[in-house]
Amino acid sequence: MLTEPFARQLDRAMAYESADRPLPAIVLPHPIQNVNKEELMARAVMLADAAEVLLRGQVPDGQVPGWPP
C-alpha cells in the first residue's frame, strides 16, 4: 500500500527493473494523514475494496500508474 506520489516513484523505478506481472499494490490518494472523517472513511472503503481484489488474485484497476505495461 502506498500513496500516489510513491506509486509514481515505483513506476519510474520499474523502468529499470521490469517484473513479469503487474505489481500487487494498493494506491491511496495523498495525504493519508490529517484528513477529515469523510476522507478517512472514503479511503478506508478504497483500501478494503482493493484488498478484496488482491485476495481474489487480481490487480486493482488503475491502482499503479503505468500498470499493466
Protein backbone atom coordinates (compact mmCIF):
# COMPACT_ATOMS: atom_id res chain seq x y z
CA MET A 1 0.00 0.00 0.00
CA LEU A 2 1.34 3.40 -0.94
CA THR A 3 0.19 6.87 -1.86
CA GLU A 4 0.01 8.36 -5.36
CA PRO A 5 3.40 10.16 -5.28
CA PHE A 6 5.16 6.97 -4.22
CA ALA A 7 3.31 4.95 -6.87
CA ARG A 8 4.79 7.27 -9.50
CA GLN A 9 8.24 6.68 -7.98
CA LEU A 10 7.66 2.94 -8.16
CA ASP A 11 6.58 3.26 -11.78
CA ARG A 12 9.83 5.10 -12.62
CA ALA A 13 11.91 2.51 -10.77
CA MET A 14 10.24 -0.30 -12.69
CA ALA A 15 11.52 1.24 -15.92
CA TYR A 16 14.95 -0.07 -14.87
CA GLU A 17 13.85 -3.41 -13.42
CA SER A 18 10.78 -4.94 -15.02
CA ALA A 19 8.52 -7.55 -13.47
CA ASP A 20 6.88 -10.50 -15.21
CA ARG A 21 3.45 -9.41 -13.98
CA PRO A 22 1.75 -6.30 -12.61
CA LEU A 23 2.75 -5.42 -9.07
CA PRO A 24 0.03 -6.08 -6.49
CA ALA A 25 -0.12 -2.62 -4.97
CA ILE A 26 -2.88 -0.59 -3.39
CA VAL A 27 -2.54 3.13 -4.07
CA LEU A 28 -4.41 5.67 -1.95
CA PRO A 29 -4.77 9.41 -2.51
CA HIS A 30 -2.17 11.60 -0.84
CA PRO A 31 -2.04 12.56 2.00
CA ILE A 32 -3.24 9.74 4.23
CA GLN A 33 -2.85 11.62 7.50
CA ASN A 34 -4.55 14.70 8.89
CA VAL A 35 -7.67 14.17 6.77
CA ASN A 36 -11.24 14.78 7.86
CA LYS A 37 -13.59 11.97 8.88
CA GLU A 38 -15.28 11.74 5.48
CA GLU A 39 -11.96 11.47 3.62
CA LEU A 40 -10.74 8.88 6.09
CA MET A 41 -13.86 6.76 5.58
CA ALA A 42 -13.59 7.06 1.79
CA ARG A 43 -10.00 5.87 1.92
CA ALA A 44 -10.94 3.01 4.23
CA VAL A 45 -13.52 1.87 1.68
CA MET A 46 -10.96 2.18 -1.13
CA LEU A 47 -8.46 0.14 0.87
CA ALA A 48 -10.99 -2.58 1.70
CA ASP A 49 -12.21 -2.82 -1.92
CA ALA A 50 -8.66 -3.03 -3.27
CA ALA A 51 -7.71 -5.66 -0.66
CA GLU A 52 -10.66 -7.82 -1.75
CA VAL A 53 -9.47 -7.60 -5.36
CA LEU A 54 -5.94 -8.63 -4.33
CA LEU A 55 -7.30 -11.55 -2.31
CA ARG A 56 -9.02 -12.79 -5.48
CA GLY A 57 -5.59 -12.84 -7.15
CA GLN A 58 -6.30 -9.82 -9.34
CA VAL A 59 -4.72 -6.38 -9.59
CA PRO A 60 -6.92 -3.39 -8.66
CA ASP A 61 -7.77 -1.35 -11.78
CA GLY A 62 -5.80 1.86 -12.10
CA GLN A 63 -4.01 1.38 -8.82
CA VAL A 64 -0.45 1.73 -10.08
CA PRO A 65 0.23 4.29 -12.82
CA GLY A 66 1.51 2.58 -15.93
CA TRP A 67 0.32 -0.90 -14.95
CA PRO A 68 -0.27 -3.17 -16.60
CA PRO A 69 2.57 -2.32 -19.01
